[in-house]
Amino acid sequence: MAYFAIDLMKIKVCDHIRRVKYFGKIAQKLGYFSEDETFNNAINAHDADKLFPVNLAMQSNRLYPEYVSKSVLNEKCKKEVDRVINNHIHSNAHHPEYWSRSKVSYLTTNVDATRMPNIYLTELCCDWSSVSEELGTGCLDWYNRVVGTRFIFSAEQKEYIKDCLLNLNLYSLNVMKRSYDLDNGVTYSNPCLNSILNYKSMYKDKQIRTSISNFVTVHLGYDIIIKFTIEKDSLVDKDTHKRIMLSSLTGKEELKQMIVDKIALI
């Protein structure tokens, strides 16, 4: 199945938002913000403007520029992309540029973010943790790249960010590393998880398929027959607590057997 760039961009943004919300819950669990209404609202609205159709279109042009054919159109789109990105960073308080005392763009260096409060520093850490998980990079890689060069924080802010990133990293899932391709859609780097998510079959007149959100879910038609929690080393059936190890070479076969067992009970 081939994907249109804008559709794949929507999938990518939704995946990112989902993981930011996951890390937001972890941040609350760790005591950074406990049921704080402002923090909840910020996390729940994270990057919502990126899902506006015009913004998705501009972002997809940025992510897949080879699909914008004419050079004149490319230059026009580049200006539109710049406008969309700059509107985004100046409209969302988890971006350091939002707090700058002077007019800056997403390409500006030495952005003064010393006014940025902890509540939005925490959302920024959830944002960075989500991207780090997607790319499979270290939790401080981006911090080391941009703090002190692109973004200027106070000593206290820097300690807060590092502490938050390191603690969130304890809950980061390596199996969530993924890439987005117009021919294949979302591809996870973990072979076991990827094979399970790509598993499709038919039972009588109903399709069996898997999906991922906060759980890996197996559907029979419109009904859920298995729901797995995602752990660092395994998928765990919420009902039976049986595990499929994410290092397994036979994960898809194990899944098939679990589906057969579940269907037998229907």
C-alpha atoms as a PDB file:
ATOM      1  CA  MET A   1       0.000   0.000   0.000  1.00  0.00           C
ATOM      2  CA  ALA A   2       1.405   3.396  -1.009  1.00  0.00           C
ATOM      3  CA  TYR A   3       0.749   6.407   1.199  1.00  0.00           C
ATOM      4  CA  PHE A   4       0.163  10.010   0.268  1.00  0.00           C
ATOM      5  CA  ALA A   5       2.677  12.290   1.975  1.00  0.00           C
ATOM      6  CA  ILE A   6      -0.026  14.220   3.839  1.00  0.00           C
ATOM      7  CA  ASP A   7      -1.611  11.011   5.183  1.00  0.00           C
ATOM      8  CA  LEU A   8       1.724   9.686   6.375  1.00  0.00           C
ATOM      9  CA  MET A   9       2.484  13.034   7.973  1.00  0.00           C
ATOM     10  CA  LYS A  10      -0.775  12.796   9.923  1.00  0.00           C
ATOM     11  CA  ILE A  11       0.175   9.319  11.150  1.00  0.00           C
ATOM     12  CA  LYS A  12       3.601  10.605  12.202  1.00  0.00           C
ATOM     13  CA  VAL A  13       2.164  13.588  14.088  1.00  0.00           C
ATOM     14  CA  CYS A  14      -0.473  11.436  15.820  1.00  0.00           C
ATOM     15  CA  ASP A  15       2.184   8.918  16.848  1.00  0.00           C
ATOM     16  CA  HIS A  16       4.280  11.728  18.293  1.00  0.00           C
ATOM     17  CA  ILE A  17       1.361  13.250  20.199  1.00  0.00           C
ATOM     18  CA  ARG A  18       0.454   9.840  21.620  1.00  0.00           C
ATOM     19  CA  ARG A  19       3.986   9.319  22.966  1.00  0.00           C
ATOM     20  CA  VAL A  20       4.130  12.860  24.402  1.00  0.00           C
ATOM     21  CA  LYS A  21       0.933  12.106  26.329  1.00  0.00           C
ATOM     22  CA  TYR A  22       2.515   8.854  27.528  1.00  0.00           C
ATOM     23  CA  PHE A  23       5.552  10.730  28.851  1.00  0.00           C
ATOM     24  CA  GLY A  24       3.244  13.382  30.316  1.00  0.00           C
ATOM     25  CA  LYS A  25       1.580  10.714  32.459  1.00  0.00           C
ATOM     26  CA  ILE A  26       5.007   9.459  33.489  1.00  0.00           C
ATOM     27  CA  ALA A  27       6.072  12.991  34.450  1.00  0.00           C
ATOM     28  CA  GLN A  28       3.021  13.235  36.692  1.00  0.00           C
ATOM     29  CA  LYS A  29       3.709   9.799  38.149  1.00  0.00           C
ATOM     30  CA  LEU A  30       7.248  10.939  38.983  1.00  0.00           C
ATOM     31  CA  GLY A  31       5.882  14.020  40.743  1.00  0.00           C
ATOM     32  CA  TYR A  32       6.866  16.769  38.330  1.00  0.00           C
ATOM     33  CA  PHE A  33       3.246  17.863  38.059  1.00  0.00           C
ATOM     34  CA  SER A  34       0.565  15.964  39.933  1.00  0.00           C
ATOM     35  CA  GLU A  35      -2.864  16.431  38.364  1.00  0.00           C
ATOM     36  CA  ASP A  36      -2.041  20.054  37.563  1.00  0.00           C
ATOM     37  CA  GLU A  37      -4.828  21.373  35.338  1.00  0.00           C
ATOM     38  CA  THR A  38      -2.559  23.672  33.319  1.00  0.00           C
ATOM     39  CA  PHE A  39      -0.090  20.861  32.676  1.00  0.00           C
ATOM     40  CA  ASN A  40      -2.885  18.445  31.748  1.00  0.00           C
ATOM     41  CA  ASN A  41      -4.329  20.968  29.323  1.00  0.00           C
ATOM     42  CA  ALA A  42      -0.919  21.620  27.774  1.00  0.00           C
ATOM     43  CA  ILE A  43      -0.155  17.917  27.295  1.00  0.00           C
ATOM     44  CA  ASN A  44      -3.622  17.148  25.932  1.00  0.00           C
ATOM     45  CA  ALA A  45      -3.353  20.001  23.425  1.00  0.00           C
ATOM     46  CA  HIS A  46       0.252  19.236  22.470  1.00  0.00           C
ATOM     47  CA  ASP A  47       0.921  19.951  18.770  1.00  0.00           C
ATOM     48  CA  ALA A  48      -2.811  20.007  18.015  1.00  0.00           C
ATOM     49  CA  ASP A  49      -2.268  22.775  15.455  1.00  0.00           C
ATOM     50  CA  LYS A  50      -0.003  20.467  13.448  1.00  0.00           C
ATOM     51  CA  LEU A  51      -3.113  18.459  12.558  1.00  0.00           C
ATOM     52  CA  PHE A  52      -4.764  21.376  10.766  1.00  0.00           C
ATOM     53  CA  PRO A  53      -4.961  20.365   7.057  1.00  0.00           C
ATOM     54  CA  VAL A  54      -2.881  23.279   5.774  1.00  0.00           C
ATOM     55  CA  ASN A  55      -0.203  22.603   8.392  1.00  0.00           C
ATOM     56  CA  LEU A  56      -0.119  18.895   7.548  1.00  0.00           C
ATOM     57  CA  ALA A  57       0.314  19.786   3.888  1.00  0.00           C
ATOM     58  CA  MET A  58       3.232  22.124   4.568  1.00  0.00           C
ATOM     59  CA  GLN A  59       4.903  19.679   6.948  1.00  0.00           C
ATOM     60  CA  SER A  60       4.563  16.835   4.449  1.00  0.00           C
ATOM     61  CA  ASN A  61       6.299  19.014   1.848  1.00  0.00           C
ATOM     62  CA  ARG A  62       9.120  19.503   4.333  1.00  0.00           C
ATOM     63  CA  LEU A  63       9.356  15.815   5.212  1.00  0.00           C
ATOM     64  CA  TYR A  64       9.010  14.548   1.636  1.00  0.00           C
ATOM     65  CA  PRO A  65      10.347  17.372  -0.575  1.00  0.00           C
ATOM     66  CA  GLU A  66      11.015  14.994  -3.453  1.00  0.00           C
ATOM     67  CA  TYR A  67       7.255  14.814  -3.997  1.00  0.00           C
ATOM     68  CA  VAL A  68       7.033  18.544  -4.746  1.00  0.00           C
ATOM     69  CA  SER A  69       8.225  18.532  -8.329  1.00  0.00           C
ATOM     70  CA  LYS A  70       8.676  22.064  -9.714  1.00  0.00           C
ATOM     71  CA  SER A  71      11.544  24.213  -8.420  1.00  0.00           C
ATOM     72  CA  VAL A  72       9.329  27.327  -8.341  1.00  0.00           C
ATOM     73  CA  LEU A  73       6.764  25.457  -6.290  1.00  0.00           C
ATOM     74  CA  ASN A  74       9.535  24.198  -4.004  1.00  0.00           C
ATOM     75  CA  GLU A  75      10.649  27.759  -3.229  1.00  0.00           C
ATOM     76  CA  LYS A  76       7.066  28.845  -2.608  1.00  0.00           C
ATOM     77  CA  CYS A  77       6.450  25.824  -0.383  1.00  0.00           C
ATOM     78  CA  LYS A  78       9.655  26.483   1.544  1.00  0.00           C
ATOM     79  CA  LYS A  79       8.390  29.937   2.487  1.00  0.00           C
ATOM     80  CA  GLU A  80       5.039  28.481   3.507  1.00  0.00           C
ATOM     81  CA  VAL A  81       6.749  25.773   5.559  1.00  0.00           C
ATOM     82  CA  ASP A  82       8.860  28.419   7.308  1.00  0.00           C
ATOM     83  CA  ARG A  83       5.717  30.411   8.068  1.00  0.00           C
ATOM     84  CA  VAL A  84       3.896  27.367   9.477  1.00  0.00           C
ATOM     85  CA  ILE A  85       6.838  26.344  11.667  1.00  0.00           C
ATOM     86  CA  ASN A  86       7.350  29.867  12.997  1.00  0.00           C
ATOM     87  CA  ASN A  87       3.630  30.211  13.741  1.00  0.00           C
ATOM     88  CA  HIS A  88       3.784  26.900  15.593  1.00  0.00           C
ATOM     89  CA  ILE A  89       6.757  27.734  17.810  1.00  0.00           C
ATOM     90  CA  HIS A  90       5.313  31.136  18.700  1.00  0.00           C
ATOM     91  CA  SER A  91       1.891  29.653  19.519  1.00  0.00           C
ATOM     92  CA  ASN A  92       3.021  26.722  21.687  1.00  0.00           C
ATOM     93  CA  ALA A  93       4.625  27.389  25.051  1.00  0.00           C
ATOM     94  CA  HIS A  94       6.697  24.184  25.082  1.00  0.00           C
ATOM     95  CA  HIS A  95       9.008  25.774  22.503  1.00  0.00           C
ATOM     96  CA  PRO A  96      11.845  27.932  23.882  1.00  0.00           C
ATOM     97  CA  GLU A  97      11.310  30.451  21.061  1.00  0.00           C
ATOM     98  CA  TYR A  98       7.883  31.236  22.540  1.00  0.00           C
ATOM     99  CA  TRP A  99       9.611  32.788  25.574  1.00  0.00           C
ATOM    100  CA  SER A 100      12.205  34.856  23.750  1.00  0.00           C
ATOM    101  CA  ARG A 101      12.166  38.589  24.470  1.00  0.00           C
ATOM    102  CA  SER A 102      13.018  39.298  20.821  1.00  0.00           C
ATOM    103  CA  LYS A 103      11.556  38.135  17.510  1.00  0.00           C
ATOM    104  CA  VAL A 104      13.164  34.832  16.520  1.00  0.00           C
ATOM    105  CA  SER A 105      12.610  32.070  13.977  1.00  0.00           C
ATOM    106  CA  TYR A 106      13.097  28.330  14.239  1.00  0.00           C
ATOM    107  CA  LEU A 107      16.553  28.849  12.679  1.00  0.00           C
ATOM    108  CA  THR A 108      17.684  31.439  15.262  1.00  0.00           C
ATOM    109  CA  THR A 109      20.533  30.480  17.609  1.00  0.00           C
ATOM    110  CA  ASN A 110      21.178  31.699  21.166  1.00  0.00           C
ATOM    111  CA  VAL A 111      17.452  31.986  21.861  1.00  0.00           C
ATOM    112  CA  ASP A 112      16.942  33.345  25.378  1.00  0.00           C
ATOM    113  CA  ALA A 113      14.548  30.905  27.103  1.00  0.00           C
ATOM    114  CA  THR A 114      15.371  31.876  30.680  1.00  0.00           C
ATOM    115  CA  ARG A 115      11.766  32.989  31.278  1.00  0.00           C
ATOM    116  CA  MET A 116      10.393  29.519  30.458  1.00  0.00           C
ATOM    117  CA  PRO A 117       8.598  28.082  33.546  1.00  0.00           C
ATOM    118  CA  ASN A 118       9.030  24.502  34.762  1.00  0.00           C
ATOM    119  CA  ILE A 119       5.572  23.443  33.649  1.00  0.00           C
ATOM    120  CA  TYR A 120       6.513  24.028  30.004  1.00  0.00           C
ATOM    121  CA  LEU A 121      10.067  22.779  30.513  1.00  0.00           C
ATOM    122  CA  THR A 122       8.418  19.504  31.517  1.00  0.00           C
ATOM    123  CA  GLU A 123       6.284  19.465  28.378  1.00  0.00           C
ATOM    124  CA  LEU A 124       9.443  20.205  26.379  1.00  0.00           C
ATOM    125  CA  CYS A 125      11.107  17.176  28.023  1.00  0.00           C
ATOM    126  CA  CYS A 126       8.124  14.987  27.109  1.00  0.00           C
ATOM    127  CA  ASP A 127       8.418  16.305  23.542  1.00  0.00           C
ATOM    128  CA  TRP A 128      12.151  15.616  23.331  1.00  0.00           C
ATOM    129  CA  SER A 129      11.721  12.178  24.929  1.00  0.00           C
ATOM    130  CA  SER A 130       9.112  11.245  22.331  1.00  0.00           C
ATOM    131  CA  VAL A 131      11.385  12.250  19.449  1.00  0.00           C
ATOM    132  CA  SER A 132      14.362  10.499  21.058  1.00  0.00           C
ATOM    133  CA  GLU A 133      12.310   7.305  21.378  1.00  0.00           C
ATOM    134  CA  GLU A 134      11.161   7.525  17.756  1.00  0.00           C
ATOM    135  CA  LEU A 135      14.708   8.027  16.451  1.00  0.00           C
ATOM    136  CA  GLY A 136      16.350   5.596  18.873  1.00  0.00           C
ATOM    137  CA  THR A 137      18.810   8.218  20.124  1.00  0.00           C
ATOM    138  CA  GLY A 138      20.123   8.855  23.640  1.00  0.00           C
ATOM    139  CA  CYS A 139      17.920  10.890  25.936  1.00  0.00           C
ATOM    140  CA  LEU A 140      20.519  13.677  26.270  1.00  0.00           C
ATOM    141  CA  ASP A 141      21.704  13.705  22.645  1.00  0.00           C
ATOM    142  CA  TRP A 142      19.434  16.560  21.596  1.00  0.00           C
ATOM    143  CA  TYR A 143      20.010  18.365  24.916  1.00  0.00           C
ATOM    144  CA  ASN A 144      23.771  18.299  24.345  1.00  0.00           C
ATOM    145  CA  ARG A 145      23.292  19.491  20.775  1.00  0.00           C
ATOM    146  CA  VAL A 146      21.072  22.529  21.386  1.00  0.00           C
ATOM    147  CA  VAL A 147      21.408  23.692  24.994  1.00  0.00           C
ATOM    148  CA  GLY A 148      23.938  26.492  25.237  1.00  0.00           C
ATOM    149  CA  THR A 149      24.038  26.995  21.472  1.00  0.00           C
ATOM    150  CA  ARG A 150      20.551  27.131  20.004  1.00  0.00           C
ATOM    151  CA  PHE A 151      18.750  27.645  23.336  1.00  0.00           C
ATOM    152  CA  ILE A 152      19.993  29.565  26.373  1.00  0.00           C
ATOM    153  CA  PHE A 153      18.691  28.387  29.749  1.00  0.00           C
ATOM    154  CA  SER A 154      19.676  29.294  33.298  1.00  0.00           C
ATOM    155  CA  ALA A 155      21.775  26.874  35.349  1.00  0.00           C
ATOM    156  CA  GLU A 156      18.670  25.876  37.332  1.00  0.00           C
ATOM    157  CA  GLN A 157      16.661  25.254  34.162  1.00  0.00           C
ATOM    158  CA  LYS A 158      19.429  23.115  32.682  1.00  0.00           C
ATOM    159  CA  GLU A 159      19.543  20.940  35.801  1.00  0.00           C
ATOM    160  CA  TYR A 160      15.761  20.614  35.768  1.00  0.00           C
ATOM    161  CA  ILE A 161      15.707  19.568  32.095  1.00  0.00           C
ATOM    162  CA  LYS A 162      18.515  17.028  32.530  1.00  0.00           C
ATOM    163  CA  ASP A 163      16.884  15.549  35.628  1.00  0.00           C
ATOM    164  CA  CYS A 164      13.513  15.260  33.885  1.00  0.00           C
ATOM    165  CA  LEU A 165      14.965  13.722  30.705  1.00  0.00           C
ATOM    166  CA  LEU A 166      17.002  11.158  32.622  1.00  0.00           C
ATOM    167  CA  ASN A 167      13.996  10.114  34.709  1.00  0.00           C
ATOM    168  CA  LEU A 168      11.656   9.913  31.722  1.00  0.00           C
ATOM    169  CA  ASN A 169      14.276   7.804  29.955  1.00  0.00           C
ATOM    170  CA  LEU A 170      13.738   5.055  32.536  1.00  0.00           C
ATOM    171  CA  TYR A 171      10.289   4.603  30.969  1.00  0.00           C
ATOM    172  CA  SER A 172      11.354   5.000  27.353  1.00  0.00           C
ATOM    173  CA  LEU A 173      10.753   1.955  25.143  1.00  0.00           C
ATOM    174  CA  ASN A 174      13.513   1.061  22.697  1.00  0.00           C
ATOM    175  CA  VAL A 175      11.023  -0.963  20.660  1.00  0.00           C
ATOM    176  CA  MET A 176       9.215   2.268  19.762  1.00  0.00           C
ATOM    177  CA  LYS A 177      11.990   3.316  17.376  1.00  0.00           C
ATOM    178  CA  ARG A 178      10.304   3.703  14.007  1.00  0.00           C
ATOM    179  CA  SER A 179      10.559   5.205  10.551  1.00  0.00           C
ATOM    180  CA  TYR A 180       7.975   6.504   8.087  1.00  0.00           C
ATOM    181  CA  ASP A 181       8.085   5.535   4.440  1.00  0.00           C
ATOM    182  CA  LEU A 182       5.640   6.428   1.680  1.00  0.00           C
ATOM    183  CA  ASP A 183       5.680   2.851   0.380  1.00  0.00           C
ATOM    184  CA  ASN A 184       5.448   1.001   3.703  1.00  0.00           C
ATOM    185  CA  GLY A 185       3.936   3.453   6.173  1.00  0.00           C
ATOM    186  CA  VAL A 186       5.220   3.020   9.736  1.00  0.00           C
ATOM    187  CA  THR A 187       8.037   0.525  10.186  1.00  0.00           C
ATOM    188  CA  TYR A 188       9.247  -0.354  13.675  1.00  0.00           C
ATOM    189  CA  SER A 189      12.881  -1.276  14.159  1.00  0.00           C
ATOM    190  CA  ASN A 190      12.062  -4.192  16.444  1.00  0.00           C
ATOM    191  CA  PRO A 191      11.513  -7.183  14.091  1.00  0.00           C
ATOM    192  CA  CYS A 192       9.157  -8.992  16.457  1.00  0.00           C
ATOM    193  CA  LEU A 193       6.917  -5.975  17.062  1.00  0.00           C
ATOM    194  CA  ASN A 194       6.972  -5.030  13.403  1.00  0.00           C
ATOM    195  CA  SER A 195       5.959  -8.525  12.262  1.00  0.00           C
ATOM    196  CA  ILE A 196       3.127  -8.641  14.809  1.00  0.00           C
ATOM    197  CA  LEU A 197       1.799  -5.230  13.760  1.00  0.00           C
ATOM    198  CA  ASN A 198       1.882  -6.284  10.106  1.00  0.00           C
ATOM    199  CA  TYR A 199       0.051  -9.540  10.796  1.00  0.00           C
ATOM    200  CA  LYS A 200      -3.319  -9.815   9.048  1.00  0.00           C
ATOM    201  CA  SER A 201      -5.561 -12.820   8.525  1.00  0.00           C
ATOM    202  CA  MET A 202      -9.200 -13.804   8.122  1.00  0.00           C
ATOM    203  CA  TYR A 203     -11.435 -15.845  10.404  1.00  0.00           C
ATOM    204  CA  LYS A 204     -14.653 -16.791   8.669  1.00  0.00           C
ATOM    205  CA  ASP A 205     -15.787 -13.443   7.226  1.00  0.00           C
ATOM    206  CA  LYS A 206     -13.945 -11.241   9.710  1.00  0.00           C
ATOM    207  CA  GLN A 207     -10.494  -9.747   9.405  1.00  0.00           C
ATOM    208  CA  ILE A 208      -7.894 -10.204  12.115  1.00  0.00           C
ATOM    209  CA  ARG A 209      -5.571  -7.220  12.392  1.00  0.00           C
ATOM    210  CA  THR A 210      -3.338  -5.543  14.942  1.00  0.00           C
ATOM    211  CA  SER A 211      -2.959  -1.899  15.875  1.00  0.00           C
ATOM    212  CA  ILE A 212      -0.872   0.118  18.306  1.00  0.00           C
ATOM    213  CA  SER A 213      -1.800   2.974  20.602  1.00  0.00           C
ATOM    214  CA  ASN A 214      -0.910   2.796  24.286  1.00  0.00           C
ATOM    215  CA  PHE A 215      -1.403  -0.938  23.793  1.00  0.00           C
ATOM    216  CA  VAL A 216      -0.906  -3.448  21.011  1.00  0.00           C
ATOM    217  CA  THR A 217      -4.429  -4.581  20.213  1.00  0.00           C
ATOM    218  CA  VAL A 218      -5.624  -7.543  18.135  1.00  0.00           C
ATOM    219  CA  HIS A 219      -9.014  -7.026  16.508  1.00  0.00           C
ATOM    220  CA  LEU A 220     -11.400  -9.598  15.075  1.00  0.00           C
ATOM    221  CA  GLY A 221     -13.586  -7.473  12.859  1.00  0.00           C
ATOM    222  CA  TYR A 222     -14.611  -4.629  15.166  1.00  0.00           C
ATOM    223  CA  ASP A 223     -14.112  -6.627  18.373  1.00  0.00           C
ATOM    224  CA  ILE A 224     -10.966  -6.626  20.486  1.00  0.00           C
ATOM    225  CA  ILE A 225      -9.811 -10.145  21.250  1.00  0.00           C
ATOM    226  CA  ILE A 226      -6.348  -9.498  22.713  1.00  0.00           C
ATOM    227  CA  LYS A 227      -4.831  -6.386  24.269  1.00  0.00           C
ATOM    228  CA  PHE A 228      -1.120  -6.337  25.077  1.00  0.00           C
ATOM    229  CA  THR A 229       0.625  -3.913  27.379  1.00  0.00           C
ATOM    230  CA  ILE A 230       4.001  -2.850  25.993  1.00  0.00           C
ATOM    231  CA  GLU A 231       6.998  -3.414  28.239  1.00  0.00           C
ATOM    232  CA  LYS A 232      10.690  -2.938  27.549  1.00  0.00           C
ATOM    233  CA  ASP A 233      11.264  -6.613  26.766  1.00  0.00           C
ATOM    234  CA  SER A 234       7.852  -8.055  25.948  1.00  0.00           C
ATOM    235  CA  LEU A 235       4.181  -7.734  25.069  1.00  0.00           C
ATOM    236  CA  VAL A 236       1.976  -8.936  27.917  1.00  0.00           C
ATOM    237  CA  ASP A 237      -1.597 -10.155  27.376  1.00  0.00           C
ATOM    238  CA  LYS A 238      -3.714  -8.099  29.801  1.00  0.00           C
ATOM    239  CA  ASP A 239      -6.077 -11.039  30.442  1.00  0.00           C
ATOM    240  CA  THR A 240      -3.842 -14.114  30.625  1.00  0.00           C
ATOM    241  CA  HIS A 241      -0.514 -12.361  31.351  1.00  0.00           C
ATOM    242  CA  LYS A 242       1.171 -14.522  28.722  1.00  0.00           C
ATOM    243  CA  ARG A 243       4.203 -12.871  27.171  1.00  0.00           C
ATOM    244  CA  ILE A 244       5.647 -12.522  23.721  1.00  0.00           C
ATOM    245  CA  MET A 245       9.299 -11.615  24.166  1.00  0.00           C
ATOM    246  CA  LEU A 246      10.298  -8.779  21.854  1.00  0.00           C
ATOM    247  CA  SER A 247      13.599 -10.562  21.227  1.00  0.00           C
ATOM    248  CA  SER A 248      11.676 -13.585  19.937  1.00  0.00           C
ATOM    249  CA  LEU A 249      12.287 -14.846  16.415  1.00  0.00           C
ATOM    250  CA  THR A 250       8.872 -16.531  16.437  1.00  0.00           C
ATOM    251  CA  GLY A 251       6.716 -13.671  17.747  1.00  0.00           C
ATOM    252  CA  LYS A 252       4.238 -13.870  14.889  1.00  0.00           C
ATOM    253  CA  GLU A 253       3.797 -17.628  15.394  1.00  0.00           C
ATOM    254  CA  GLU A 254       3.252 -17.099  19.114  1.00  0.00           C
ATOM    255  CA  LEU A 255       0.670 -14.438  18.301  1.00  0.00           C
ATOM    256  CA  LYS A 256      -1.136 -16.806  15.896  1.00  0.00           C
ATOM    257  CA  GLN A 257      -1.387 -19.445  18.614  1.00  0.00           C
ATOM    258  CA  MET A 258      -2.715 -16.933  21.137  1.00  0.00           C
ATOM    259  CA  ILE A 259      -5.329 -15.799  18.590  1.00  0.00           C
ATOM    260  CA  VAL A 260      -6.380 -19.406  17.963  1.00  0.00           C
ATOM    261  CA  ASP A 261      -6.724 -19.985  21.711  1.00  0.00           C
ATOM    262  CA  LYS A 262      -8.809 -16.823  22.143  1.00  0.00           C
ATOM    263  CA  ILE A 263     -11.097 -17.577  19.210  1.00  0.00           C
ATOM    264  CA  ALA A 264     -11.725 -21.071  20.577  1.00  0.00           C
ATOM    265  CA  LEU A 265     -13.282 -19.447  23.651  1.00  0.00           C
ATOM    266  CA  ILE A 266     -15.618 -17.192  21.671  1.00  0.00           C
END
